[in-house]
Amino acid sequence: MDGINFFTFAPILAGLLTGIIGIVFIKKDAAGEDVDKGFSKNYFRLPYRKRMIINLVAYPLIIVTFFIIYLSFDLSPLLSLIASLILLISFFTELIYNYKRWKKYERKG
C-alpha cells in the first residue's frame, strides 16, 4: 500500500464537507422569507430565478470535477456513460424545475 492518493480522498472529503455545511446552513436559516435582492447563505431561501442562475454557473464546475474524477480512477466506459447520463439528467431536471417555478411565481406577481 503506497498511501492515500489525493485524488481518491479529495472527492470524499469535499462531499462530506459540503453535506455538513449544507445541513448547518439549512438549520440556521430555515425560517424566513425568500431573498430576491442581496445575499443568502441558504440555497433554499433563494428565489427560483437565482437558483437557476446558480445552477447554470455551477454546471461547468461540475463537469470539470467529473473529468478529474474520471481521469483519476480507472472507470469502465459503461460506468462513465451511466455517471454522465445521471449528471445530465439531474442537471436538466433541476434547471427545468427552477425555470418553471420562476415563471409561475413571476406571473403571480
C-alpha atoms as a PDB file:
ATOM      1  CA  MET A   1       0.000   0.000   0.000  1.00  0.00           C
ATOM      2  CA  ASP A   2       1.579   3.249  -1.078  1.00  0.00           C
ATOM      3  CA  GLY A   3      -0.514   5.657   0.955  1.00  0.00           C
ATOM      4  CA  ILE A   4      -3.669   7.585   0.324  1.00  0.00           C
ATOM      5  CA  ASN A   5      -3.921   9.152  -3.101  1.00  0.00           C
ATOM      6  CA  PHE A   6      -5.113  12.773  -3.031  1.00  0.00           C
ATOM      7  CA  PHE A   7      -7.476  12.190  -5.944  1.00  0.00           C
ATOM      8  CA  THR A   8      -9.095   9.338  -4.047  1.00  0.00           C
ATOM      9  CA  PHE A   9      -9.553  11.257  -0.823  1.00  0.00           C
ATOM     10  CA  ALA A  10     -10.460  14.739  -2.164  1.00  0.00           C
ATOM     11  CA  PRO A  11     -13.941  13.911  -3.582  1.00  0.00           C
ATOM     12  CA  ILE A  12     -14.905  12.083  -0.396  1.00  0.00           C
ATOM     13  CA  LEU A  13     -13.728  14.978   1.778  1.00  0.00           C
ATOM     14  CA  ALA A  14     -15.451  17.533  -0.477  1.00  0.00           C
ATOM     15  CA  GLY A  15     -18.731  15.603  -0.292  1.00  0.00           C
ATOM     16  CA  LEU A  16     -18.588  15.318   3.479  1.00  0.00           C
ATOM     17  CA  LEU A  17     -17.741  18.991   3.989  1.00  0.00           C
ATOM     18  CA  THR A  18     -20.454  20.098   1.556  1.00  0.00           C
ATOM     19  CA  GLY A  19     -23.020  17.951   3.338  1.00  0.00           C
ATOM     20  CA  ILE A  20     -22.072  19.218   6.779  1.00  0.00           C
ATOM     21  CA  ILE A  21     -22.028  22.864   5.704  1.00  0.00           C
ATOM     22  CA  GLY A  22     -25.359  22.435   3.911  1.00  0.00           C
ATOM     23  CA  ILE A  23     -27.007  20.919   6.977  1.00  0.00           C
ATOM     24  CA  VAL A  24     -25.683  23.731   9.196  1.00  0.00           C
ATOM     25  CA  PHE A  25     -26.997  26.449   6.875  1.00  0.00           C
ATOM     26  CA  ILE A  26     -30.366  24.750   6.399  1.00  0.00           C
ATOM     27  CA  LYS A  27     -30.883  24.512  10.146  1.00  0.00           C
ATOM     28  CA  LYS A  28     -29.613  28.046  10.780  1.00  0.00           C
ATOM     29  CA  ASP A  29     -31.633  29.836   8.084  1.00  0.00           C
ATOM     30  CA  ALA A  30     -34.652  27.539   7.841  1.00  0.00           C
ATOM     31  CA  ALA A  31     -37.254  30.158   8.745  1.00  0.00           C
ATOM     32  CA  GLY A  32     -37.570  33.296   6.715  1.00  0.00           C
ATOM     33  CA  GLU A  33     -38.625  34.956   3.502  1.00  0.00           C
ATOM     34  CA  ASP A  34     -37.062  34.445   0.111  1.00  0.00           C
ATOM     35  CA  VAL A  35     -34.150  36.770  -0.533  1.00  0.00           C
ATOM     36  CA  ASP A  36     -34.620  38.234  -4.007  1.00  0.00           C
ATOM     37  CA  LYS A  37     -32.099  41.027  -3.633  1.00  0.00           C
ATOM     38  CA  GLY A  38     -28.935  40.679  -1.662  1.00  0.00           C
ATOM     39  CA  PHE A  39     -27.217  37.569  -0.417  1.00  0.00           C
ATOM     40  CA  SER A  40     -28.366  34.427   1.343  1.00  0.00           C
ATOM     41  CA  LYS A  41     -26.143  31.591   2.504  1.00  0.00           C
ATOM     42  CA  ASN A  42     -29.098  29.250   2.348  1.00  0.00           C
ATOM     43  CA  TYR A  43     -29.843  27.991  -1.163  1.00  0.00           C
ATOM     44  CA  PHE A  44     -33.416  27.160  -0.203  1.00  0.00           C
ATOM     45  CA  ARG A  45     -34.219  30.780   0.700  1.00  0.00           C
ATOM     46  CA  LEU A  46     -33.280  31.991  -2.767  1.00  0.00           C
ATOM     47  CA  PRO A  47     -35.970  32.637  -5.368  1.00  0.00           C
ATOM     48  CA  TYR A  48     -36.124  30.200  -8.266  1.00  0.00           C
ATOM     49  CA  ARG A  49     -34.536  32.696 -10.664  1.00  0.00           C
ATOM     50  CA  LYS A  50     -31.359  32.866  -8.579  1.00  0.00           C
ATOM     51  CA  ARG A  51     -31.363  29.106  -8.101  1.00  0.00           C
ATOM     52  CA  MET A  52     -31.437  28.675 -11.872  1.00  0.00           C
ATOM     53  CA  ILE A  53     -28.555  31.128 -12.317  1.00  0.00           C
ATOM     54  CA  ILE A  54     -26.506  29.295  -9.692  1.00  0.00           C
ATOM     55  CA  ASN A  55     -27.179  26.003 -11.490  1.00  0.00           C
ATOM     56  CA  LEU A  56     -26.016  27.466 -14.805  1.00  0.00           C
ATOM     57  CA  VAL A  57     -22.837  28.828 -13.225  1.00  0.00           C
ATOM     58  CA  ALA A  58     -22.089  25.663 -11.253  1.00  0.00           C
ATOM     59  CA  TYR A  59     -22.633  23.200 -14.096  1.00  0.00           C
ATOM     60  CA  PRO A  60     -19.263  23.822 -15.829  1.00  0.00           C
ATOM     61  CA  LEU A  61     -17.537  23.303 -12.474  1.00  0.00           C
ATOM     62  CA  ILE A  62     -19.393  20.024 -12.030  1.00  0.00           C
ATOM     63  CA  ILE A  63     -18.246  18.868 -15.472  1.00  0.00           C
ATOM     64  CA  VAL A  64     -14.606  19.735 -14.666  1.00  0.00           C
ATOM     65  CA  THR A  65     -14.894  17.848 -11.364  1.00  0.00           C
ATOM     66  CA  PHE A  66     -16.386  14.859 -13.153  1.00  0.00           C
ATOM     67  CA  PHE A  67     -13.491  14.787 -15.641  1.00  0.00           C
ATOM     68  CA  ILE A  68     -10.942  14.998 -12.819  1.00  0.00           C
ATOM     69  CA  ILE A  69     -12.608  12.052 -11.118  1.00  0.00           C
ATOM     70  CA  TYR A  70     -12.838  10.194 -14.441  1.00  0.00           C
ATOM     71  CA  LEU A  71      -9.138  10.697 -15.118  1.00  0.00           C
ATOM     72  CA  SER A  72      -8.164   9.827 -11.538  1.00  0.00           C
ATOM     73  CA  PHE A  73      -9.937   6.485 -11.434  1.00  0.00           C
ATOM     74  CA  ASP A  74      -9.851   3.602 -13.844  1.00  0.00           C
ATOM     75  CA  LEU A  75     -13.558   3.593 -14.658  1.00  0.00           C
ATOM     76  CA  SER A  76     -15.115   1.386 -17.276  1.00  0.00           C
ATOM     77  CA  PRO A  77     -16.697   3.115 -20.275  1.00  0.00           C
ATOM     78  CA  LEU A  78     -20.137   1.838 -19.241  1.00  0.00           C
ATOM     79  CA  LEU A  79     -19.789   3.266 -15.728  1.00  0.00           C
ATOM     80  CA  SER A  80     -18.598   6.577 -17.153  1.00  0.00           C
ATOM     81  CA  LEU A  81     -21.580   6.692 -19.514  1.00  0.00           C
ATOM     82  CA  ILE A  82     -24.027   5.938 -16.698  1.00  0.00           C
ATOM     83  CA  ALA A  83     -22.469   8.591 -14.444  1.00  0.00           C
ATOM     84  CA  SER A  84     -22.562  11.140 -17.279  1.00  0.00           C
ATOM     85  CA  LEU A  85     -26.220  10.402 -18.005  1.00  0.00           C
ATOM     86  CA  ILE A  86     -27.152  10.720 -14.336  1.00  0.00           C
ATOM     87  CA  LEU A  87     -25.290  14.039 -14.180  1.00  0.00           C
ATOM     88  CA  LEU A  88     -27.003  15.394 -17.305  1.00  0.00           C
ATOM     89  CA  ILE A  89     -30.475  14.195 -16.339  1.00  0.00           C
ATOM     90  CA  SER A  90     -30.238  15.616 -12.825  1.00  0.00           C
ATOM     91  CA  PHE A  91     -28.920  18.961 -14.118  1.00  0.00           C
ATOM     92  CA  PHE A  92     -31.622  19.393 -16.746  1.00  0.00           C
ATOM     93  CA  THR A  93     -34.343  18.234 -14.363  1.00  0.00           C
ATOM     94  CA  GLU A  94     -33.321  20.821 -11.776  1.00  0.00           C
ATOM     95  CA  LEU A  95     -32.895  23.516 -14.423  1.00  0.00           C
ATOM     96  CA  ILE A  96     -36.351  22.901 -15.918  1.00  0.00           C
ATOM     97  CA  TYR A  97     -37.959  22.709 -12.470  1.00  0.00           C
ATOM     98  CA  ASN A  98     -36.415  26.022 -11.352  1.00  0.00           C
ATOM     99  CA  TYR A  99     -37.330  27.702 -14.644  1.00  0.00           C
ATOM    100  CA  LYS A 100     -40.983  26.594 -14.433  1.00  0.00           C
ATOM    101  CA  ARG A 101     -41.257  27.669 -10.796  1.00  0.00           C
ATOM    102  CA  TRP A 102     -39.625  31.017 -11.576  1.00  0.00           C
ATOM    103  CA  LYS A 103     -42.092  31.694 -14.404  1.00  0.00           C
ATOM    104  CA  LYS A 104     -45.019  30.588 -12.211  1.00  0.00           C
ATOM    105  CA  TYR A 105     -44.092  32.999  -9.418  1.00  0.00           C
ATOM    106  CA  GLU A 106     -43.301  35.749 -11.914  1.00  0.00           C
ATOM    107  CA  ARG A 107     -46.875  35.510 -13.279  1.00  0.00           C
ATOM    108  CA  LYS A 108     -48.323  35.660  -9.772  1.00  0.00           C
ATOM    109  CA  GLY A 109     -46.530  38.953  -9.250  1.00  0.00           C
END
